[in-house]
Amino acid sequence: MVVERLARPGATSAWGRDALAARLAAPGPPPTLALIEFTVNDARLHAGVPLARSRAHAGKMTALVRGRGGLPVLVTMSPVHGLALLRRPAVAAYRRAWAGVAAAAGAGHVDTVPAFAVAERRELREAIPDGIHPTDAAMRARLVPALTAVLEPLVRLSPGTAASQLPLPSRRH
C-alpha cells in the first residue's frame, strides 16, 4: 500500500481542488482511497471560502477522485473552540455541507468531531491547546482510532478489489 499526503498548512478547498486535479493529471497510479478535509480552513472569516463555493469544491474533488476510479471520503476533523472558533463561527455549517455533498455524491464521510467529546472544557483545551490543532497525543488517542474504525475494513480488502467495490463509510465518531 502506498500512502501519499497532499497538503499545505492553512490551505482551503480551492487549493485542494487545484492540487488534486494536478496530482491526478500527473503520471502514476490514481488513489484507491482519498481522504479530503478542508472545512476548518474554508470556514475562516477573513481568508476562507464562501460556503457555497466550499460545497462546490468538495463536489469537484469527489468527482475527480471518482473519475479516476477511486473512493473519495470527505472528513471533518477535530472540534474548534476558543478564539479559533470566533474566527470560524460557521464551521458547523461547513461540516454539514460537506456531509451533504458526500451523501449526494455517494462518497464516504467520516465526522471525527464526536471523538473529542469531553466531560470538561479543560480536557478539550489540553487536547487542542490552540483551539484548532490537536496535540500528537490527542491525535493518537482520539482521531486515529476514529478514522481507523472506518478505514480499516477498506484497507484490509484484497489488493485486487476495485474502488467501486469498496463499502462507503459514513460515520460519526
N, C-alpha and C. Protein backbone atom coordinates (compact mmCIF):
# COMPACT_ATOMS: atom_id res chain seq x y z
N MET A 1 0.84 -1.17 0.00
CA MET A 1 0.00 0.00 0.00
C MET A 1 0.89 1.24 0.00
N VAL A 2 0.51 2.22 -0.78
CA VAL A 2 1.22 3.49 -0.85
C VAL A 2 0.34 4.55 -0.22
N VAL A 3 0.91 5.32 0.68
CA VAL A 3 0.20 6.44 1.29
C VAL A 3 0.88 7.71 0.82
N GLU A 4 0.09 8.61 0.32
CA GLU A 4 0.62 9.87 -0.20
C GLU A 4 -0.13 11.01 0.48
N ARG A 5 0.60 12.02 0.89
CA ARG A 5 -0.02 13.17 1.54
C ARG A 5 0.04 14.36 0.60
N LEU A 6 -1.11 14.93 0.36
CA LEU A 6 -1.21 16.13 -0.47
C LEU A 6 -1.82 17.19 0.44
N ALA A 7 -0.99 18.06 0.99
CA ALA A 7 -1.46 19.01 1.99
C ALA A 7 -0.58 20.25 1.99
N ARG A 8 -1.15 21.32 2.53
CA ARG A 8 -0.41 22.56 2.74
C ARG A 8 -1.05 23.26 3.93
N PRO A 9 -0.26 23.70 4.90
CA PRO A 9 -0.83 24.37 6.07
C PRO A 9 -1.70 25.56 5.68
N GLY A 10 -2.88 25.63 6.26
CA GLY A 10 -3.78 26.75 6.02
C GLY A 10 -4.51 26.71 4.70
N ALA A 11 -4.32 25.67 3.91
CA ALA A 11 -4.92 25.60 2.58
C ALA A 11 -6.44 25.45 2.67
N THR A 12 -7.09 25.98 1.66
CA THR A 12 -8.54 25.86 1.56
C THR A 12 -8.90 24.86 0.47
N SER A 13 -10.18 24.63 0.32
CA SER A 13 -10.63 23.68 -0.70
C SER A 13 -10.32 24.17 -2.11
N ALA A 14 -10.16 25.46 -2.32
CA ALA A 14 -9.77 25.97 -3.64
C ALA A 14 -8.38 25.44 -4.00
N TRP A 15 -7.45 25.52 -3.05
CA TRP A 15 -6.12 24.96 -3.27
C TRP A 15 -6.23 23.45 -3.45
N GLY A 16 -7.01 22.80 -2.59
CA GLY A 16 -7.16 21.35 -2.65
C GLY A 16 -7.68 20.87 -3.99
N ARG A 17 -8.68 21.57 -4.50
CA ARG A 17 -9.24 21.21 -5.81
C ARG A 17 -8.18 21.26 -6.89
N ASP A 18 -7.41 22.35 -6.92
CA ASP A 18 -6.38 22.52 -7.93
C ASP A 18 -5.23 21.53 -7.74
N ALA A 19 -4.79 21.33 -6.50
CA ALA A 19 -3.69 20.40 -6.23
C ALA A 19 -4.10 18.97 -6.56
N LEU A 20 -5.33 18.60 -6.24
CA LEU A 20 -5.80 17.25 -6.54
C LEU A 20 -5.91 17.04 -8.05
N ALA A 21 -6.42 18.03 -8.75
CA ALA A 21 -6.53 17.92 -10.21
C ALA A 21 -5.14 17.75 -10.83
N ALA A 22 -4.16 18.51 -10.34
CA ALA A 22 -2.79 18.39 -10.86
C ALA A 22 -2.20 17.02 -10.54
N ARG A 23 -2.43 16.54 -9.33
CA ARG A 23 -1.91 15.22 -8.94
C ARG A 23 -2.53 14.12 -9.79
N LEU A 24 -3.82 14.20 -10.02
CA LEU A 24 -4.50 13.16 -10.80
C LEU A 24 -4.13 13.21 -12.28
N ALA A 25 -3.70 14.37 -12.75
CA ALA A 25 -3.27 14.50 -14.14
C ALA A 25 -1.83 14.04 -14.34
N ALA A 26 -1.08 13.92 -13.25
CA ALA A 26 0.32 13.51 -13.32
C ALA A 26 0.43 12.01 -13.58
N PRO A 27 1.56 11.57 -14.11
CA PRO A 27 1.76 10.13 -14.31
C PRO A 27 1.73 9.40 -12.97
N GLY A 28 1.37 8.17 -13.02
CA GLY A 28 1.34 7.36 -11.81
C GLY A 28 -0.06 6.87 -11.53
N PRO A 29 -0.14 5.89 -10.67
CA PRO A 29 -1.46 5.31 -10.37
C PRO A 29 -2.34 6.29 -9.60
N PRO A 30 -3.62 6.29 -9.90
CA PRO A 30 -4.54 7.15 -9.14
C PRO A 30 -4.79 6.53 -7.77
N PRO A 31 -5.29 7.33 -6.83
CA PRO A 31 -5.56 6.78 -5.50
C PRO A 31 -6.75 5.83 -5.52
N THR A 32 -6.67 4.81 -4.71
CA THR A 32 -7.81 3.92 -4.49
C THR A 32 -8.76 4.58 -3.51
N LEU A 33 -8.19 5.30 -2.55
CA LEU A 33 -8.94 5.94 -1.48
C LEU A 33 -8.34 7.32 -1.26
N ALA A 34 -9.19 8.35 -1.17
CA ALA A 34 -8.70 9.71 -0.93
C ALA A 34 -9.48 10.33 0.22
N LEU A 35 -8.77 10.72 1.28
CA LEU A 35 -9.38 11.43 2.40
C LEU A 35 -9.24 12.92 2.12
N ILE A 36 -10.34 13.64 2.20
CA ILE A 36 -10.35 15.06 1.83
C ILE A 36 -10.96 15.86 2.97
N GLU A 37 -10.22 16.88 3.47
CA GLU A 37 -10.72 17.69 4.58
C GLU A 37 -10.22 19.12 4.44
N PHE A 38 -11.15 20.06 4.33
CA PHE A 38 -10.80 21.48 4.27
C PHE A 38 -11.82 22.35 5.01
N THR A 39 -12.77 21.77 5.69
CA THR A 39 -13.87 22.56 6.27
C THR A 39 -13.38 23.61 7.26
N VAL A 40 -12.40 23.28 8.09
CA VAL A 40 -11.94 24.23 9.11
C VAL A 40 -11.29 25.45 8.46
N ASN A 41 -10.47 25.24 7.46
CA ASN A 41 -9.83 26.38 6.79
C ASN A 41 -10.82 27.13 5.91
N ASP A 42 -11.73 26.43 5.27
CA ASP A 42 -12.74 27.11 4.46
C ASP A 42 -13.62 28.03 5.31
N ALA A 43 -13.85 27.66 6.55
CA ALA A 43 -14.76 28.41 7.42
C ALA A 43 -14.16 29.69 8.01
N ARG A 44 -12.90 29.95 7.77
CA ARG A 44 -12.29 31.18 8.32
C ARG A 44 -12.99 32.41 7.78
N LEU A 45 -13.20 33.37 8.64
CA LEU A 45 -13.91 34.60 8.24
C LEU A 45 -13.16 35.40 7.18
N HIS A 46 -11.87 35.63 7.37
CA HIS A 46 -11.15 36.58 6.50
C HIS A 46 -10.34 35.94 5.39
N ALA A 47 -10.09 34.65 5.46
CA ALA A 47 -9.27 34.03 4.43
C ALA A 47 -9.88 32.72 3.95
N GLY A 48 -11.12 32.51 4.27
CA GLY A 48 -11.75 31.25 3.93
C GLY A 48 -12.42 31.27 2.56
N VAL A 49 -13.35 30.36 2.40
CA VAL A 49 -14.06 30.18 1.14
C VAL A 49 -15.55 30.25 1.46
N PRO A 50 -16.33 31.02 0.71
CA PRO A 50 -17.77 31.06 0.97
C PRO A 50 -18.37 29.64 0.96
N LEU A 51 -19.38 29.43 1.76
CA LEU A 51 -19.96 28.11 1.95
C LEU A 51 -20.37 27.45 0.64
N ALA A 52 -21.06 28.16 -0.23
CA ALA A 52 -21.49 27.57 -1.50
C ALA A 52 -20.29 27.15 -2.35
N ARG A 53 -19.25 27.95 -2.33
CA ARG A 53 -18.05 27.61 -3.10
C ARG A 53 -17.32 26.41 -2.49
N SER A 54 -17.28 26.36 -1.16
CA SER A 54 -16.67 25.22 -0.47
C SER A 54 -17.41 23.93 -0.84
N ARG A 55 -18.72 24.01 -0.85
CA ARG A 55 -19.55 22.85 -1.23
C ARG A 55 -19.23 22.43 -2.67
N ALA A 56 -19.11 23.40 -3.56
CA ALA A 56 -18.80 23.11 -4.96
C ALA A 56 -17.41 22.48 -5.09
N HIS A 57 -16.44 23.00 -4.34
CA HIS A 57 -15.09 22.43 -4.39
C HIS A 57 -15.09 20.99 -3.88
N ALA A 58 -15.83 20.73 -2.81
CA ALA A 58 -15.92 19.36 -2.28
C ALA A 58 -16.52 18.44 -3.33
N GLY A 59 -17.56 18.92 -4.01
CA GLY A 59 -18.16 18.12 -5.08
C GLY A 59 -17.20 17.86 -6.22
N LYS A 60 -16.42 18.86 -6.58
CA LYS A 60 -15.45 18.71 -7.67
C LYS A 60 -14.36 17.71 -7.29
N MET A 61 -13.85 17.81 -6.06
CA MET A 61 -12.81 16.88 -5.64
C MET A 61 -13.35 15.45 -5.58
N THR A 62 -14.57 15.31 -5.13
CA THR A 62 -15.22 14.00 -5.09
C THR A 62 -15.32 13.43 -6.50
N ALA A 63 -15.75 14.26 -7.45
CA ALA A 63 -15.88 13.82 -8.84
C ALA A 63 -14.52 13.49 -9.46
N LEU A 64 -13.50 14.27 -9.13
CA LEU A 64 -12.15 13.99 -9.66
C LEU A 64 -11.66 12.62 -9.22
N VAL A 65 -11.82 12.32 -7.93
CA VAL A 65 -11.36 11.03 -7.42
C VAL A 65 -12.19 9.90 -8.02
N ARG A 66 -13.50 10.08 -8.06
CA ARG A 66 -14.39 9.07 -8.66
C ARG A 66 -14.04 8.85 -10.14
N GLY A 67 -13.74 9.95 -10.83
CA GLY A 67 -13.42 9.86 -12.25
C GLY A 67 -12.18 9.04 -12.54
N ARG A 68 -11.30 8.92 -11.57
CA ARG A 68 -10.09 8.10 -11.73
C ARG A 68 -10.26 6.74 -11.08
N GLY A 69 -11.51 6.41 -10.67
CA GLY A 69 -11.79 5.08 -10.13
C GLY A 69 -11.57 4.93 -8.65
N GLY A 70 -11.35 6.03 -7.94
CA GLY A 70 -11.09 5.96 -6.50
C GLY A 70 -12.32 6.23 -5.66
N LEU A 71 -12.18 5.97 -4.38
CA LEU A 71 -13.24 6.24 -3.42
C LEU A 71 -12.90 7.51 -2.65
N PRO A 72 -13.67 8.58 -2.83
CA PRO A 72 -13.45 9.80 -2.05
C PRO A 72 -14.15 9.68 -0.70
N VAL A 73 -13.47 10.11 0.34
CA VAL A 73 -14.05 10.16 1.68
C VAL A 73 -13.86 11.57 2.21
N LEU A 74 -14.96 12.28 2.39
CA LEU A 74 -14.89 13.63 2.96
C LEU A 74 -14.84 13.48 4.48
N VAL A 75 -13.90 14.19 5.09
CA VAL A 75 -13.65 14.07 6.52
C VAL A 75 -13.82 15.43 7.19
N THR A 76 -14.45 15.43 8.35
CA THR A 76 -14.46 16.62 9.19
C THR A 76 -13.66 16.27 10.43
N MET A 77 -12.71 17.12 10.75
CA MET A 77 -11.75 16.79 11.80
C MET A 77 -12.19 17.31 13.16
N SER A 78 -11.23 17.56 14.02
CA SER A 78 -11.47 17.91 15.41
C SER A 78 -12.31 19.16 15.58
N PRO A 79 -12.94 19.29 16.76
CA PRO A 79 -13.74 20.49 17.00
C PRO A 79 -12.86 21.73 17.13
N VAL A 80 -13.46 22.86 16.89
CA VAL A 80 -12.79 24.15 17.01
C VAL A 80 -13.37 24.83 18.25
N HIS A 81 -12.51 25.46 19.05
CA HIS A 81 -13.00 26.15 20.25
C HIS A 81 -12.16 27.38 20.52
N GLY A 82 -12.62 28.18 21.46
CA GLY A 82 -11.90 29.38 21.87
C GLY A 82 -11.83 30.42 20.77
N LEU A 83 -10.72 31.14 20.72
CA LEU A 83 -10.51 32.20 19.73
C LEU A 83 -10.61 31.66 18.31
N ALA A 84 -10.13 30.45 18.08
CA ALA A 84 -10.20 29.85 16.74
C ALA A 84 -11.65 29.72 16.29
N LEU A 85 -12.56 29.44 17.21
CA LEU A 85 -13.98 29.34 16.86
C LEU A 85 -14.56 30.71 16.54
N LEU A 86 -14.10 31.74 17.23
CA LEU A 86 -14.57 33.09 16.92
C LEU A 86 -14.20 33.49 15.49
N ARG A 87 -13.07 32.95 15.00
CA ARG A 87 -12.64 33.23 13.63
C ARG A 87 -13.35 32.33 12.61
N ARG A 88 -14.08 31.34 13.11
CA ARG A 88 -14.79 30.38 12.26
C ARG A 88 -16.19 30.11 12.82
N PRO A 89 -17.01 31.12 12.95
CA PRO A 89 -18.31 30.92 13.61
C PRO A 89 -19.26 29.99 12.86
N ALA A 90 -19.04 29.79 11.58
CA ALA A 90 -19.94 28.94 10.79
C ALA A 90 -19.34 27.57 10.49
N VAL A 91 -18.32 27.16 11.23
CA VAL A 91 -17.65 25.89 10.92
C VAL A 91 -18.63 24.71 10.93
N ALA A 92 -19.61 24.73 11.80
CA ALA A 92 -20.59 23.63 11.84
C ALA A 92 -21.39 23.56 10.53
N ALA A 93 -21.69 24.71 9.94
CA ALA A 93 -22.41 24.73 8.66
C ALA A 93 -21.56 24.13 7.55
N TYR A 94 -20.27 24.37 7.58
CA TYR A 94 -19.37 23.79 6.58
C TYR A 94 -19.32 22.27 6.74
N ARG A 95 -19.27 21.83 7.98
CA ARG A 95 -19.25 20.38 8.22
C ARG A 95 -20.53 19.73 7.71
N ARG A 96 -21.66 20.36 7.99
CA ARG A 96 -22.95 19.82 7.50
C ARG A 96 -22.99 19.83 5.97
N ALA A 97 -22.47 20.89 5.37
CA ALA A 97 -22.47 20.99 3.90
C ALA A 97 -21.65 19.86 3.29
N TRP A 98 -20.48 19.58 3.86
CA TRP A 98 -19.63 18.53 3.32
C TRP A 98 -20.27 17.16 3.52
N ALA A 99 -20.95 16.97 4.63
CA ALA A 99 -21.67 15.70 4.84
C ALA A 99 -22.75 15.55 3.77
N GLY A 100 -23.42 16.65 3.44
CA GLY A 100 -24.44 16.63 2.38
C GLY A 100 -23.85 16.32 1.02
N VAL A 101 -22.69 16.89 0.73
CA VAL A 101 -22.02 16.61 -0.55
C VAL A 101 -21.68 15.13 -0.63
N ALA A 102 -21.15 14.58 0.45
CA ALA A 102 -20.78 13.16 0.46
C ALA A 102 -22.01 12.30 0.21
N ALA A 103 -23.11 12.61 0.88
CA ALA A 103 -24.33 11.82 0.71
C ALA A 103 -24.85 11.93 -0.72
N ALA A 104 -24.87 13.13 -1.26
CA ALA A 104 -25.40 13.35 -2.61
C ALA A 104 -24.52 12.69 -3.69
N ALA A 105 -23.22 12.67 -3.44
CA ALA A 105 -22.28 12.14 -4.43
C ALA A 105 -22.01 10.65 -4.26
N GLY A 106 -22.56 10.06 -3.23
CA GLY A 106 -22.27 8.65 -2.98
C GLY A 106 -20.84 8.43 -2.53
N ALA A 107 -20.29 9.43 -1.86
CA ALA A 107 -18.93 9.35 -1.35
C ALA A 107 -18.96 8.96 0.12
N GLY A 108 -17.83 8.57 0.65
CA GLY A 108 -17.74 8.29 2.08
C GLY A 108 -17.70 9.59 2.87
N HIS A 109 -18.03 9.49 4.13
CA HIS A 109 -17.98 10.64 5.03
C HIS A 109 -17.62 10.16 6.43
N VAL A 110 -16.65 10.80 7.05
CA VAL A 110 -16.27 10.48 8.42
C VAL A 110 -16.23 11.78 9.21
N ASP A 111 -17.03 11.86 10.26
CA ASP A 111 -17.03 13.01 11.16
C ASP A 111 -16.35 12.59 12.45
N THR A 112 -15.14 13.08 12.67
CA THR A 112 -14.40 12.70 13.87
C THR A 112 -14.61 13.67 15.03
N VAL A 113 -15.40 14.70 14.84
CA VAL A 113 -15.63 15.67 15.91
C VAL A 113 -16.16 14.99 17.17
N PRO A 114 -17.13 14.07 17.09
CA PRO A 114 -17.61 13.43 18.31
C PRO A 114 -16.54 12.65 19.08
N ALA A 115 -15.46 12.27 18.44
CA ALA A 115 -14.38 11.57 19.15
C ALA A 115 -13.72 12.47 20.19
N PHE A 116 -13.93 13.76 20.07
CA PHE A 116 -13.35 14.72 21.00
C PHE A 116 -14.35 15.18 22.06
N ALA A 117 -15.49 14.50 22.15
CA ALA A 117 -16.46 14.84 23.20
C ALA A 117 -15.80 14.63 24.55
N VAL A 118 -15.87 15.63 25.40
CA VAL A 118 -15.22 15.57 26.70
C VAL A 118 -16.18 16.00 27.79
N ALA A 119 -15.89 15.57 29.00
CA ALA A 119 -16.73 15.93 30.15
C ALA A 119 -16.46 17.36 30.61
N GLU A 120 -15.22 17.80 30.46
CA GLU A 120 -14.85 19.15 30.93
C GLU A 120 -14.13 19.92 29.84
N ARG A 121 -14.36 21.23 29.81
CA ARG A 121 -13.68 22.09 28.83
C ARG A 121 -12.17 22.00 28.96
N ARG A 122 -11.69 21.79 30.18
CA ARG A 122 -10.25 21.67 30.42
C ARG A 122 -9.66 20.56 29.55
N GLU A 123 -10.37 19.44 29.43
CA GLU A 123 -9.89 18.32 28.61
C GLU A 123 -9.74 18.73 27.15
N LEU A 124 -10.70 19.51 26.66
CA LEU A 124 -10.64 19.97 25.28
C LEU A 124 -9.47 20.94 25.10
N ARG A 125 -9.27 21.84 26.06
CA ARG A 125 -8.13 22.77 25.98
C ARG A 125 -6.80 22.02 26.00
N GLU A 126 -6.72 20.93 26.74
CA GLU A 126 -5.48 20.15 26.79
C GLU A 126 -5.28 19.37 25.48
N ALA A 127 -6.37 18.86 24.92
CA ALA A 127 -6.27 18.08 23.68
C ALA A 127 -6.01 18.98 22.47
N ILE A 128 -6.59 20.19 22.50
CA ILE A 128 -6.47 21.12 21.36
C ILE A 128 -6.12 22.50 21.93
N PRO A 129 -4.87 22.69 22.35
CA PRO A 129 -4.49 23.91 23.06
C PRO A 129 -4.73 25.22 22.30
N ASP A 130 -4.51 25.22 21.00
CA ASP A 130 -4.68 26.45 20.22
C ASP A 130 -6.10 26.58 19.67
N GLY A 131 -6.97 25.64 20.02
CA GLY A 131 -8.37 25.70 19.59
C GLY A 131 -8.64 25.07 18.24
N ILE A 132 -7.60 24.61 17.55
CA ILE A 132 -7.82 24.06 16.20
C ILE A 132 -6.96 22.83 15.89
N HIS A 133 -5.75 22.75 16.42
CA HIS A 133 -4.83 21.66 16.09
C HIS A 133 -4.65 20.73 17.30
N PRO A 134 -5.13 19.50 17.20
CA PRO A 134 -4.94 18.56 18.31
C PRO A 134 -3.46 18.26 18.54
N THR A 135 -3.11 18.00 19.79
CA THR A 135 -1.75 17.57 20.10
C THR A 135 -1.52 16.19 19.49
N ASP A 136 -0.26 15.80 19.39
CA ASP A 136 0.04 14.46 18.88
C ASP A 136 -0.62 13.39 19.75
N ALA A 137 -0.60 13.60 21.06
CA ALA A 137 -1.22 12.63 21.97
C ALA A 137 -2.73 12.55 21.73
N ALA A 138 -3.37 13.68 21.51
CA ALA A 138 -4.81 13.67 21.24
C ALA A 138 -5.11 13.02 19.90
N MET A 139 -4.25 13.24 18.94
CA MET A 139 -4.43 12.59 17.64
C MET A 139 -4.38 11.08 17.80
N ARG A 140 -3.36 10.61 18.53
CA ARG A 140 -3.23 9.16 18.73
C ARG A 140 -4.39 8.59 19.54
N ALA A 141 -4.82 9.31 20.55
CA ALA A 141 -5.86 8.79 21.46
C ALA A 141 -7.27 8.91 20.90
N ARG A 142 -7.53 9.93 20.10
CA ARG A 142 -8.91 10.19 19.68
C ARG A 142 -9.13 10.10 18.17
N LEU A 143 -8.31 10.80 17.43
CA LEU A 143 -8.53 10.89 15.99
C LEU A 143 -8.18 9.60 15.26
N VAL A 144 -7.02 9.05 15.55
CA VAL A 144 -6.58 7.83 14.86
C VAL A 144 -7.57 6.68 15.08
N PRO A 145 -8.01 6.40 16.31
CA PRO A 145 -8.99 5.32 16.48
C PRO A 145 -10.30 5.57 15.72
N ALA A 146 -10.75 6.81 15.69
CA ALA A 146 -12.00 7.12 14.98
C ALA A 146 -11.85 6.87 13.49
N LEU A 147 -10.75 7.30 12.91
CA LEU A 147 -10.52 7.07 11.49
C LEU A 147 -10.26 5.60 11.20
N THR A 148 -9.50 4.95 12.06
CA THR A 148 -9.17 3.54 11.87
C THR A 148 -10.42 2.68 11.86
N ALA A 149 -11.36 2.98 12.75
CA ALA A 149 -12.59 2.18 12.82
C ALA A 149 -13.33 2.17 11.49
N VAL A 150 -13.26 3.27 10.78
CA VAL A 150 -13.96 3.37 9.50
C VAL A 150 -13.09 2.87 8.34
N LEU A 151 -11.82 3.19 8.38
CA LEU A 151 -10.96 2.91 7.22
C LEU A 151 -10.34 1.51 7.23
N GLU A 152 -10.16 0.92 8.38
CA GLU A 152 -9.51 -0.39 8.43
C GLU A 152 -10.18 -1.43 7.55
N PRO A 153 -11.51 -1.54 7.56
CA PRO A 153 -12.12 -2.53 6.66
C PRO A 153 -11.83 -2.26 5.19
N LEU A 154 -11.64 -1.00 4.84
CA LEU A 154 -11.35 -0.66 3.44
C LEU A 154 -9.95 -1.07 3.03
N VAL A 155 -8.97 -0.86 3.89
CA VAL A 155 -7.60 -1.17 3.51
C VAL A 155 -7.27 -2.64 3.71
N ARG A 156 -8.12 -3.40 4.39
CA ARG A 156 -7.89 -4.83 4.56
C ARG A 156 -8.39 -5.64 3.38
N LEU A 157 -9.13 -5.02 2.49
CA LEU A 157 -9.63 -5.75 1.33
C LEU A 157 -8.46 -6.19 0.46
N SER A 158 -8.70 -7.19 -0.33
CA SER A 158 -7.63 -7.72 -1.17
C SER A 158 -7.13 -6.64 -2.13
N PRO A 159 -5.84 -6.71 -2.48
CA PRO A 159 -5.25 -5.69 -3.36
C PRO A 159 -5.98 -5.55 -4.70
N GLY A 160 -6.62 -6.59 -5.18
CA GLY A 160 -7.30 -6.52 -6.46
C GLY A 160 -8.70 -5.93 -6.39
N THR A 161 -9.16 -5.54 -5.21
CA THR A 161 -10.50 -5.00 -5.07
C THR A 161 -10.58 -3.63 -5.72
N ALA A 162 -11.54 -3.46 -6.59
CA ALA A 162 -11.72 -2.16 -7.25
C ALA A 162 -12.36 -1.18 -6.28
N ALA A 163 -12.04 0.09 -6.43
CA ALA A 163 -12.62 1.11 -5.55
C ALA A 163 -14.14 1.09 -5.61
N SER A 164 -14.69 0.76 -6.76
CA SER A 164 -16.15 0.73 -6.89
C SER A 164 -16.78 -0.37 -6.03
N GLN A 165 -15.97 -1.33 -5.58
CA GLN A 165 -16.47 -2.41 -4.74
C GLN A 165 -16.32 -2.11 -3.25
N LEU A 166 -15.64 -1.01 -2.91
CA LEU A 166 -15.42 -0.68 -1.50
C LEU A 166 -16.72 -0.21 -0.86
N PRO A 167 -16.97 -0.62 0.37
CA PRO A 167 -18.15 -0.12 1.07
C PRO A 167 -17.97 1.35 1.40
N LEU A 168 -19.02 2.13 1.31
CA LEU A 168 -18.93 3.56 1.58
C LEU A 168 -19.06 3.83 3.07
N PRO A 169 -18.02 4.38 3.69
CA PRO A 169 -18.11 4.70 5.11
C PRO A 169 -18.88 6.00 5.31
N SER A 170 -19.69 6.03 6.31
CA SER A 170 -20.36 7.26 6.74
C SER A 170 -20.64 7.10 8.21
N ARG A 171 -19.78 7.73 9.01
CA ARG A 171 -19.89 7.55 10.45
C ARG A 171 -19.55 8.82 11.18
N ARG A 172 -20.15 8.93 12.34
CA ARG A 172 -19.77 9.98 13.29
C ARG A 172 -19.07 9.30 14.44
N HIS A 173 -17.86 9.74 14.76
CA HIS A 173 -17.09 9.12 15.85
C HIS A 173 -16.77 10.16 16.88
